[in-house]
Every structure is written in C-alpha cells, then in structure tokens.
Amino acid sequence: MFFNSEFNFDDFNNVTTTSDMKKDMKMDNQNCDLEGVMCPQVCECPRERCCTRDIHHCVEHIVPINTKIINHHIYHHVYKPVYTCTEENVCSQDCSCM
C-alpha cells in the first residue's frame, strides 16, 4: 500500500474520490499506484488463529504404605545327654566258716 507523505490520518474519514481523481489513478492487476490520493482502508472479515498449547500440571498423590512385621518363631530342639553314674555295693558272707 502506498501513502502520500502529506496525508493527515486525522482527516481519514473525510477522504473522497471524485471522478477526476479516479481518472488520475493508474491501476493494473499487480499494483495500485496512487498519485497523491489516499484510498480509504478496506476492513476485511476477521480471521481466527487457533494455537494449541500443552500445559502440564504436577498433581501429588498421597499413598499411605504400612509395613507389617510378622515374627515367626521356629524352635529347634537339641538334646544334650547328661550322664549319671550309680554304684551298688553288695556284701556277701562266706558261710563255710560256721
């Protein structure tokens, strides 16, 4: 878009194009050269641009963990012999002497 350097943007709504001005405009398919004339702006339909974002959230989960201890008692029987000794004395008489 080409602008006249002396164009006052405050007077934008007051710009009119007469038939003489239209004759002075040189237009082709590629470019619109304006010789000292400012055309009013063209308001186009709004476009929507969609951007997707990934937002990560850290959520803490409390998981109670209980430790249960089971004591298993195993008895091993060990036999230790204890030796004793007894003694017996027997007295006998010789009966021939009588």
Protein backbone atom coordinates (compact mmCIF):
# COMPACT_ATOMS: atom_id res chain seq x y z
CA MET A 1 0.00 0.00 0.00
CA PHE A 2 1.41 3.40 -0.96
CA PHE A 3 0.79 6.52 1.12
CA ASN A 4 1.04 10.17 0.36
CA SER A 5 3.58 11.53 2.82
CA GLU A 6 1.41 14.62 3.40
CA PHE A 7 -1.68 12.59 4.29
CA ASN A 8 -3.22 13.55 7.62
CA PHE A 9 -4.59 10.50 9.39
CA ASP A 10 -6.98 12.69 11.39
CA ASP A 11 -8.81 13.50 8.15
CA PHE A 12 -9.13 9.84 7.19
CA ASN A 13 -12.94 9.82 7.20
CA ASN A 14 -13.10 12.95 5.05
CA VAL A 15 -11.27 11.46 2.06
CA THR A 16 -13.47 11.37 -1.04
CA THR A 17 -12.67 10.28 -4.54
CA THR A 18 -14.08 12.30 -7.43
CA SER A 19 -14.35 11.14 -11.00
CA ASP A 20 -11.31 13.25 -11.93
CA MET A 21 -9.30 11.55 -9.18
CA LYS A 22 -10.37 8.16 -10.46
CA LYS A 23 -9.09 9.06 -13.93
CA ASP A 24 -5.73 10.00 -12.43
CA MET A 25 -5.34 6.61 -10.70
CA LYS A 26 -3.23 4.16 -12.63
CA MET A 27 -4.28 0.63 -11.79
CA ASP A 28 -3.06 -2.71 -13.06
CA ASN A 29 -3.54 -6.29 -11.87
CA GLN A 30 -0.35 -6.39 -9.78
CA ASN A 31 -0.16 -3.00 -8.12
CA CYS A 32 -2.27 0.02 -7.28
CA ASP A 33 -0.17 3.17 -7.78
CA LEU A 34 -1.87 6.20 -6.33
CA GLU A 35 -0.74 9.61 -7.47
CA GLY A 36 -1.27 11.70 -4.34
CA VAL A 37 -4.59 10.10 -3.43
CA MET A 38 -5.16 8.01 -0.31
CA CYS A 39 -7.81 5.33 -0.61
CA PRO A 40 -9.90 4.51 2.41
CA GLN A 41 -8.92 1.40 4.28
CA VAL A 42 -10.65 -1.84 3.46
CA CYS A 43 -11.96 -3.61 6.54
CA GLU A 44 -11.78 -7.33 5.93
CA CYS A 45 -13.50 -10.11 7.81
CA PRO A 46 -11.68 -11.08 10.97
CA ARG A 47 -9.66 -14.25 10.88
CA GLU A 48 -9.24 -16.56 13.79
CA ARG A 49 -5.93 -18.14 14.52
CA CYS A 50 -6.05 -21.19 16.75
CA CYS A 51 -2.99 -22.13 18.77
CA THR A 52 -2.94 -25.24 20.90
CA ARG A 53 -0.74 -25.46 23.97
CA ASP A 54 0.12 -28.33 26.25
CA ILE A 55 0.08 -27.29 29.89
CA HIS A 56 1.45 -29.90 32.26
CA HIS A 57 0.27 -29.96 35.85
CA CYS A 58 2.03 -31.87 38.62
CA VAL A 59 -0.53 -33.43 40.97
CA GLU A 60 0.83 -35.18 44.06
CA HIS A 61 -0.99 -38.30 45.20
CA ILE A 62 -0.55 -39.38 48.80
CA VAL A 63 -0.39 -43.16 49.06
CA PRO A 64 -0.17 -44.43 52.65
CA ILE A 65 2.03 -47.50 52.90
CA ASN A 66 2.00 -49.54 56.10
CA THR A 67 4.74 -52.05 56.86
CA LYS A 68 3.54 -55.03 58.87
CA ILE A 69 6.21 -57.17 60.52
CA ILE A 70 5.35 -60.79 61.31
CA ASN A 71 7.77 -62.58 63.63
CA HIS A 72 7.79 -66.29 63.00
CA HIS A 73 9.41 -68.20 65.86
CA ILE A 74 10.87 -71.57 64.94
CA TYR A 75 12.05 -73.82 67.78
CA HIS A 76 14.78 -76.35 67.14
CA HIS A 77 15.02 -78.93 69.90
CA VAL A 78 18.51 -80.03 70.70
CA TYR A 79 19.00 -82.95 73.09
CA LYS A 80 22.12 -83.00 75.23
CA PRO A 81 22.60 -86.22 77.16
CA VAL A 82 23.57 -85.84 80.76
CA TYR A 83 25.30 -88.94 82.04
CA THR A 84 24.97 -90.09 85.58
CA CYS A 85 26.54 -92.98 87.31
CA THR A 86 25.29 -95.12 90.13
CA GLU A 87 27.28 -97.63 92.16
CA GLU A 88 25.97 -100.53 94.13
CA ASN A 89 27.95 -102.46 96.76
CA VAL A 90 26.85 -105.96 97.61
CA CYS A 91 28.22 -107.70 100.67
CA SER A 92 28.25 -111.36 100.80
CA GLN A 93 29.32 -113.71 103.58
CA ASP A 94 31.27 -116.80 103.26
CA CYS A 95 29.22 -119.42 105.04
CA SER A 96 31.88 -122.12 105.31
CA CYS A 97 33.30 -120.84 108.45
CA MET A 98 30.48 -121.70 110.62
